[in-house]
Protein backbone atom coordinates (compact mmCIF):
# COMPACT_ATOMS: atom_id res chain seq x y z
CA MET A 1 37.70 145.21 119.42
CA LEU A 2 41.58 143.71 118.14
CA ARG A 3 44.16 145.77 118.45
CA ASP A 4 47.68 145.08 117.17
CA LEU A 5 50.23 146.51 119.62
CA ARG A 6 52.79 147.25 117.18
CA GLU A 7 51.15 149.03 115.12
CA THR A 8 48.95 151.04 117.76
CA PRO A 9 51.23 150.83 120.78
CA PRO A 10 49.87 151.87 124.25
CA ASP A 11 51.12 153.99 126.27
CA ALA A 12 53.48 154.17 129.50
CA ALA A 13 50.31 154.98 131.64
CA GLU A 14 48.58 152.17 129.83
CA VAL A 15 51.53 149.44 130.74
CA ALA A 16 51.39 150.27 133.72
CA ARG A 17 48.21 149.70 134.33
CA TRP A 18 48.63 146.11 132.66
CA ARG A 19 51.90 145.34 134.78
CA GLU A 20 49.94 146.58 138.02
CA SER A 21 46.91 144.81 136.71
CA LEU A 22 48.77 141.53 135.70
CA GLY A 23 52.11 141.54 137.15
CA ALA A 24 55.58 140.45 136.00
CA GLY A 25 54.27 138.31 133.96
CA LEU A 26 53.40 141.02 130.90
CA LEU A 27 57.18 141.07 130.34
CA ASN A 28 57.72 138.26 127.47
CA THR A 29 61.09 137.08 128.40
CA ARG A 30 60.93 135.12 126.08
CA SER A 31 60.10 136.20 122.87
CA THR A 32 63.17 137.09 120.31
CA THR A 33 62.99 141.53 120.94
CA TRP A 34 64.08 140.64 124.73
CA ARG A 35 66.87 137.95 123.32
CA GLY A 36 67.85 140.96 120.84
CA LEU A 37 68.96 142.96 124.15
CA SER A 38 72.23 144.09 125.52
CA GLU A 39 72.12 143.09 130.18
CA ALA A 40 72.02 147.04 130.13
CA GLU A 41 68.74 147.24 127.86
CA ARG A 42 66.91 144.00 129.92
CA ALA A 43 67.75 146.17 132.99
CA GLU A 44 65.89 149.20 131.92
CA GLU A 45 62.54 149.59 133.87
CA PRO A 46 60.20 147.15 132.66
CA VAL A 47 57.39 149.57 131.90
CA ALA A 48 59.43 152.09 129.67
CA LEU A 49 61.29 148.16 128.25
CA MET A 50 57.52 147.31 127.16
CA VAL A 51 56.94 150.86 125.87
CA ALA A 52 59.96 151.56 124.00
CA HIS A 53 59.24 148.07 122.92
CA PRO A 54 55.65 146.49 122.25
CA ALA A 55 56.61 143.25 121.19
CA LEU A 56 57.72 142.54 124.17
CA ILE A 57 54.56 142.33 125.83
CA LYS A 58 52.78 139.18 126.34
CA ARG A 59 49.69 139.21 124.41
CA PRO A 60 46.90 138.85 124.78
CA VAL A 61 46.14 141.28 126.20
CA VAL A 62 41.77 140.97 127.18
CA GLU A 63 40.34 143.88 128.49
CA SER A 64 36.69 142.81 128.95
CA GLY A 65 34.11 144.16 131.47
CA GLY A 66 36.73 145.90 133.24
CA ALA A 67 38.67 142.57 133.92
CA LEU A 68 42.08 142.26 132.19
CA HIS A 69 43.29 138.62 131.20
CA LEU A 70 46.92 137.92 130.53
CA GLY A 71 47.06 134.80 127.81
CA TRP A 72 44.46 132.73 126.02
CA THR A 73 44.29 130.43 128.36
CA PRO A 74 41.29 128.57 129.29
CA GLU A 75 40.80 130.82 132.41
CA THR A 76 40.79 133.51 129.61
CA ARG A 77 37.45 131.95 127.91
CA ALA A 78 35.91 130.89 130.51
CA ALA A 79 36.05 134.07 132.33
CA LEU A 80 35.21 135.41 128.93
CA GLY A 81 31.84 132.72 128.58
CA LEU A 82 34.32 131.18 125.67
């Protein structure tokens, strides 16, 4: 199932679970949304920041068989059998 995070944003519990599993790389600090934030906003707690601005979540977040994968990397494709 494909989910557009801007149309159906994740809640704090979901983002926290993703961050716990995927690490700090979940926060996309290369996005135009990140560049538009003030220094004070950038200093906010990462999960709250990603909930407030879903475009800051690096995509895709792939959930399959209980496992989470970040990005469409060769490792993600291999894990999915593609």
